[in-house]
């Protein structure tokens, strides 16, 4: 069953600036709401409130144990090495009832449904994306804009 956009996917941190990309990963506690084909509104939750980023489709879901995550996925997902990645996950889920070494986790890949809208937001922020890299101006990193357009904010 494909879910609609009524169930957002919340990010409290834009690890590795991945939410700027047309395709990005996330690591989540496994649930039926992460089925391939499900549509999600991507929200960045910051201290000044929730900020809409884009809508995306889950295009890949690999159930796994936390110990199954490798260095490549850890760095692509967060920008941190494997040991730091595991510390981040433990911190994020420390108050939840989690069975750490059972296959109750999932590596997700999501694809933006409207890359033109996301590209417009990137342009407004001065973010340059080419085939090899993402260039994010230091001013955007230090002081992300609250809102750039009527369609939502950058973060």
C-alpha atoms as a PDB file:
ATOM      1  CA  UNK A   1       0.000   0.000   0.000  1.00  0.00           C
ATOM      2  CA  UNK A   2       1.453   3.370  -1.011  1.00  0.00           C
ATOM      3  CA  UNK A   3       1.050   6.135   1.530  1.00  0.00           C
ATOM      4  CA  UNK A   4       0.374   9.729   0.648  1.00  0.00           C
ATOM      5  CA  UNK A   5       2.238  12.852   1.743  1.00  0.00           C
ATOM      6  CA  UNK A   6       0.237  13.118   4.987  1.00  0.00           C
ATOM      7  CA  UNK A   7       3.015  11.327   6.901  1.00  0.00           C
ATOM      8  CA  UNK A   8       6.114  13.565   6.744  1.00  0.00           C
ATOM      9  CA  UNK A   9       9.699  12.411   7.144  1.00  0.00           C
ATOM     10  CA  UNK A  10      11.324  14.654   9.770  1.00  0.00           C
ATOM     11  CA  UNK A  11      15.033  15.501   9.795  1.00  0.00           C
ATOM     12  CA  UNK A  12      16.418  17.317  12.832  1.00  0.00           C
ATOM     13  CA  UNK A  13      19.811  17.643  11.133  1.00  0.00           C
ATOM     14  CA  UNK A  14      20.629  18.095   7.447  1.00  0.00           C
ATOM     15  CA  UNK A  15      23.584  15.703   7.658  1.00  0.00           C
ATOM     16  CA  UNK A  16      26.149  16.197   4.917  1.00  0.00           C
ATOM     17  CA  UNK A  17      23.736  18.746   3.304  1.00  0.00           C
ATOM     18  CA  UNK A  18      21.994  15.748   1.758  1.00  0.00           C
ATOM     19  CA  UNK A  19      18.555  17.342   1.698  1.00  0.00           C
ATOM     20  CA  UNK A  20      19.825  19.629  -1.087  1.00  0.00           C
ATOM     21  CA  UNK A  21      20.280  16.614  -3.370  1.00  0.00           C
ATOM     22  CA  UNK A  22      17.741  15.152  -5.772  1.00  0.00           C
ATOM     23  CA  UNK A  23      18.421  11.704  -4.252  1.00  0.00           C
ATOM     24  CA  UNK A  24      19.474  11.186  -0.630  1.00  0.00           C
ATOM     25  CA  UNK A  25      19.690   8.523   2.049  1.00  0.00           C
ATOM     26  CA  UNK A  26      18.469   8.175   5.602  1.00  0.00           C
ATOM     27  CA  UNK A  27      18.736   5.520   8.298  1.00  0.00           C
ATOM     28  CA  UNK A  28      15.551   4.832  10.237  1.00  0.00           C
ATOM     29  CA  UNK A  29      14.002   2.435  12.696  1.00  0.00           C
ATOM     30  CA  UNK A  30      12.158   0.052  10.384  1.00  0.00           C
ATOM     31  CA  UNK A  31       8.441   0.477   9.992  1.00  0.00           C
ATOM     32  CA  UNK A  32       5.681  -0.165   7.481  1.00  0.00           C
ATOM     33  CA  UNK A  33       5.643   3.560   6.724  1.00  0.00           C
ATOM     34  CA  UNK A  34       8.966   3.213   4.876  1.00  0.00           C
ATOM     35  CA  UNK A  35       7.801   0.952   2.030  1.00  0.00           C
ATOM     36  CA  UNK A  36       9.221   1.475  -1.445  1.00  0.00           C
ATOM     37  CA  UNK A  37       6.829   3.694  -3.366  1.00  0.00           C
ATOM     38  CA  UNK A  38       5.626   5.623  -0.307  1.00  0.00           C
ATOM     39  CA  UNK A  39       5.569   9.383  -0.753  1.00  0.00           C
ATOM     40  CA  UNK A  40       6.882  11.677   1.981  1.00  0.00           C
ATOM     41  CA  UNK A  41       7.000  15.394   2.612  1.00  0.00           C
ATOM     42  CA  UNK A  42      10.548  16.136   3.724  1.00  0.00           C
ATOM     43  CA  UNK A  43      10.667  18.441   6.737  1.00  0.00           C
ATOM     44  CA  UNK A  44      13.723  19.940   8.435  1.00  0.00           C
ATOM     45  CA  UNK A  45      12.858  20.519  12.109  1.00  0.00           C
ATOM     46  CA  UNK A  46      14.917  23.400  13.468  1.00  0.00           C
ATOM     47  CA  UNK A  47      14.800  25.472  16.627  1.00  0.00           C
ATOM     48  CA  UNK A  48      12.684  28.079  14.790  1.00  0.00           C
ATOM     49  CA  UNK A  49      10.108  25.522  13.632  1.00  0.00           C
ATOM     50  CA  UNK A  50       9.462  22.990  10.886  1.00  0.00           C
ATOM     51  CA  UNK A  51      10.650  23.903   7.387  1.00  0.00           C
ATOM     52  CA  UNK A  52       9.326  22.164   4.282  1.00  0.00           C
ATOM     53  CA  UNK A  53      12.086  21.040   1.898  1.00  0.00           C
ATOM     54  CA  UNK A  54      10.442  18.970  -0.837  1.00  0.00           C
ATOM     55  CA  UNK A  55       8.314  15.900  -1.511  1.00  0.00           C
ATOM     56  CA  UNK A  56      10.099  12.615  -2.152  1.00  0.00           C
ATOM     57  CA  UNK A  57       9.441   8.984  -2.984  1.00  0.00           C
ATOM     58  CA  UNK A  58      11.107   6.083  -1.183  1.00  0.00           C
ATOM     59  CA  UNK A  59      12.913   4.246  -3.982  1.00  0.00           C
ATOM     60  CA  UNK A  60      14.972   1.785  -1.901  1.00  0.00           C
ATOM     61  CA  UNK A  61      14.594   0.142   1.503  1.00  0.00           C
ATOM     62  CA  UNK A  62      17.149  -2.314   2.852  1.00  0.00           C
ATOM     63  CA  UNK A  63      16.305  -3.801   6.256  1.00  0.00           C
ATOM     64  CA  UNK A  64      19.414  -4.297   8.369  1.00  0.00           C
ATOM     65  CA  UNK A  65      20.956  -4.388  11.816  1.00  0.00           C
ATOM     66  CA  UNK A  66      22.922  -1.398  13.059  1.00  0.00           C
ATOM     67  CA  UNK A  67      26.063  -3.550  12.888  1.00  0.00           C
ATOM     68  CA  UNK A  68      25.391  -4.178   9.158  1.00  0.00           C
ATOM     69  CA  UNK A  69      25.978  -0.514   8.282  1.00  0.00           C
ATOM     70  CA  UNK A  70      29.324  -0.017   6.552  1.00  0.00           C
ATOM     71  CA  UNK A  71      31.709   2.926   6.313  1.00  0.00           C
ATOM     72  CA  UNK A  72      30.439   3.927   2.857  1.00  0.00           C
ATOM     73  CA  UNK A  73      26.807   4.253   3.923  1.00  0.00           C
ATOM     74  CA  UNK A  74      27.735   6.005   7.190  1.00  0.00           C
ATOM     75  CA  UNK A  75      29.789   8.658   5.368  1.00  0.00           C
ATOM     76  CA  UNK A  76      27.270   9.196   2.554  1.00  0.00           C
ATOM     77  CA  UNK A  77      24.382   9.473   4.992  1.00  0.00           C
ATOM     78  CA  UNK A  78      25.932  11.712   7.667  1.00  0.00           C
ATOM     79  CA  UNK A  79      29.396  12.776   6.547  1.00  0.00           C
ATOM     80  CA  UNK A  80      30.845  10.960   9.562  1.00  0.00           C
ATOM     81  CA  UNK A  81      32.798   7.714   9.848  1.00  0.00           C
ATOM     82  CA  UNK A  82      31.198   4.452  10.962  1.00  0.00           C
ATOM     83  CA  UNK A  83      31.942   4.713  14.690  1.00  0.00           C
ATOM     84  CA  UNK A  84      30.666   8.282  14.889  1.00  0.00           C
ATOM     85  CA  UNK A  85      27.602   7.263  12.843  1.00  0.00           C
ATOM     86  CA  UNK A  86      26.767   4.562  15.400  1.00  0.00           C
ATOM     87  CA  UNK A  87      27.199   7.057  18.259  1.00  0.00           C
ATOM     88  CA  UNK A  88      24.843   9.467  16.466  1.00  0.00           C
ATOM     89  CA  UNK A  89      22.198   6.743  16.048  1.00  0.00           C
ATOM     90  CA  UNK A  90      22.510   5.684  19.698  1.00  0.00           C
ATOM     91  CA  UNK A  91      22.087   9.320  20.764  1.00  0.00           C
ATOM     92  CA  UNK A  92      19.078   9.869  18.496  1.00  0.00           C
ATOM     93  CA  UNK A  93      17.287   6.734  19.729  1.00  0.00           C
ATOM     94  CA  UNK A  94      18.477   6.679  23.359  1.00  0.00           C
ATOM     95  CA  UNK A  95      14.988   7.258  24.789  1.00  0.00           C
ATOM     96  CA  UNK A  96      13.229   4.791  22.511  1.00  0.00           C
ATOM     97  CA  UNK A  97      12.650   1.087  23.087  1.00  0.00           C
ATOM     98  CA  UNK A  98      15.064  -0.221  20.440  1.00  0.00           C
ATOM     99  CA  UNK A  99      16.446  -3.715  19.900  1.00  0.00           C
ATOM    100  CA  UNK A 100      19.875  -2.594  18.707  1.00  0.00           C
ATOM    101  CA  UNK A 101      21.220  -5.762  17.075  1.00  0.00           C
ATOM    102  CA  UNK A 102      18.076  -7.097  15.464  1.00  0.00           C
ATOM    103  CA  UNK A 103      17.148  -6.334  11.830  1.00  0.00           C
ATOM    104  CA  UNK A 104      14.756  -3.565  12.827  1.00  0.00           C
ATOM    105  CA  UNK A 105      16.568  -0.778  10.973  1.00  0.00           C
ATOM    106  CA  UNK A 106      16.394   0.282   7.345  1.00  0.00           C
ATOM    107  CA  UNK A 107      18.676   2.089   4.942  1.00  0.00           C
ATOM    108  CA  UNK A 108      16.443   4.259   2.782  1.00  0.00           C
ATOM    109  CA  UNK A 109      17.017   6.056  -0.489  1.00  0.00           C
ATOM    110  CA  UNK A 110      14.606   8.841  -1.436  1.00  0.00           C
ATOM    111  CA  UNK A 111      14.136  10.709  -4.714  1.00  0.00           C
ATOM    112  CA  UNK A 112      12.831  14.277  -4.920  1.00  0.00           C
ATOM    113  CA  UNK A 113       9.515  14.446  -6.795  1.00  0.00           C
ATOM    114  CA  UNK A 114      10.031  18.023  -8.037  1.00  0.00           C
ATOM    115  CA  UNK A 115      13.739  18.594  -8.768  1.00  0.00           C
ATOM    116  CA  UNK A 116      12.972  21.899 -10.520  1.00  0.00           C
ATOM    117  CA  UNK A 117      11.440  23.366  -7.361  1.00  0.00           C
ATOM    118  CA  UNK A 118      14.360  22.085  -5.248  1.00  0.00           C
ATOM    119  CA  UNK A 119      16.797  23.489  -7.801  1.00  0.00           C
ATOM    120  CA  UNK A 120      15.131  26.907  -7.536  1.00  0.00           C
ATOM    121  CA  UNK A 121      15.561  26.845  -3.755  1.00  0.00           C
ATOM    122  CA  UNK A 122      19.234  25.925  -4.202  1.00  0.00           C
ATOM    123  CA  UNK A 123      19.755  28.810  -6.641  1.00  0.00           C
ATOM    124  CA  UNK A 124      18.126  31.283  -4.242  1.00  0.00           C
ATOM    125  CA  UNK A 125      20.578  30.192  -1.542  1.00  0.00           C
ATOM    126  CA  UNK A 126      23.596  30.354  -3.859  1.00  0.00           C
ATOM    127  CA  UNK A 127      24.154  26.610  -3.682  1.00  0.00           C
ATOM    128  CA  UNK A 128      25.872  25.174  -6.737  1.00  0.00           C
ATOM    129  CA  UNK A 129      25.466  21.496  -7.587  1.00  0.00           C
ATOM    130  CA  UNK A 130      27.338  19.770 -10.358  1.00  0.00           C
ATOM    131  CA  UNK A 131      28.186  16.141 -11.049  1.00  0.00           C
ATOM    132  CA  UNK A 132      31.151  16.180  -8.673  1.00  0.00           C
ATOM    133  CA  UNK A 133      30.187  18.297  -5.680  1.00  0.00           C
ATOM    134  CA  UNK A 134      27.826  20.542  -3.781  1.00  0.00           C
ATOM    135  CA  UNK A 135      29.104  24.029  -2.999  1.00  0.00           C
ATOM    136  CA  UNK A 136      27.276  25.571  -0.058  1.00  0.00           C
ATOM    137  CA  UNK A 137      28.223  29.151   0.792  1.00  0.00           C
ATOM    138  CA  UNK A 138      29.551  29.567   4.349  1.00  0.00           C
ATOM    139  CA  UNK A 139      26.852  32.172   5.023  1.00  0.00           C
ATOM    140  CA  UNK A 140      24.153  29.549   4.360  1.00  0.00           C
ATOM    141  CA  UNK A 141      25.893  27.064   6.667  1.00  0.00           C
ATOM    142  CA  UNK A 142      26.297  29.630   9.464  1.00  0.00           C
ATOM    143  CA  UNK A 143      22.947  31.417   9.045  1.00  0.00           C
ATOM    144  CA  UNK A 144      20.443  29.370   7.038  1.00  0.00           C
ATOM    145  CA  UNK A 145      17.643  31.488   5.615  1.00  0.00           C
ATOM    146  CA  UNK A 146      14.251  31.046   7.284  1.00  0.00           C
ATOM    147  CA  UNK A 147      12.230  31.311   4.083  1.00  0.00           C
ATOM    148  CA  UNK A 148      13.082  32.118   0.498  1.00  0.00           C
ATOM    149  CA  UNK A 149       9.860  31.659  -1.351  1.00  0.00           C
ATOM    150  CA  UNK A 150       6.142  31.118  -1.007  1.00  0.00           C
ATOM    151  CA  UNK A 151       6.681  27.385  -1.524  1.00  0.00           C
ATOM    152  CA  UNK A 152       8.619  26.969   1.743  1.00  0.00           C
ATOM    153  CA  UNK A 153      12.040  27.432   3.187  1.00  0.00           C
ATOM    154  CA  UNK A 154      15.431  26.083   2.325  1.00  0.00           C
ATOM    155  CA  UNK A 155      16.004  24.057   5.437  1.00  0.00           C
END
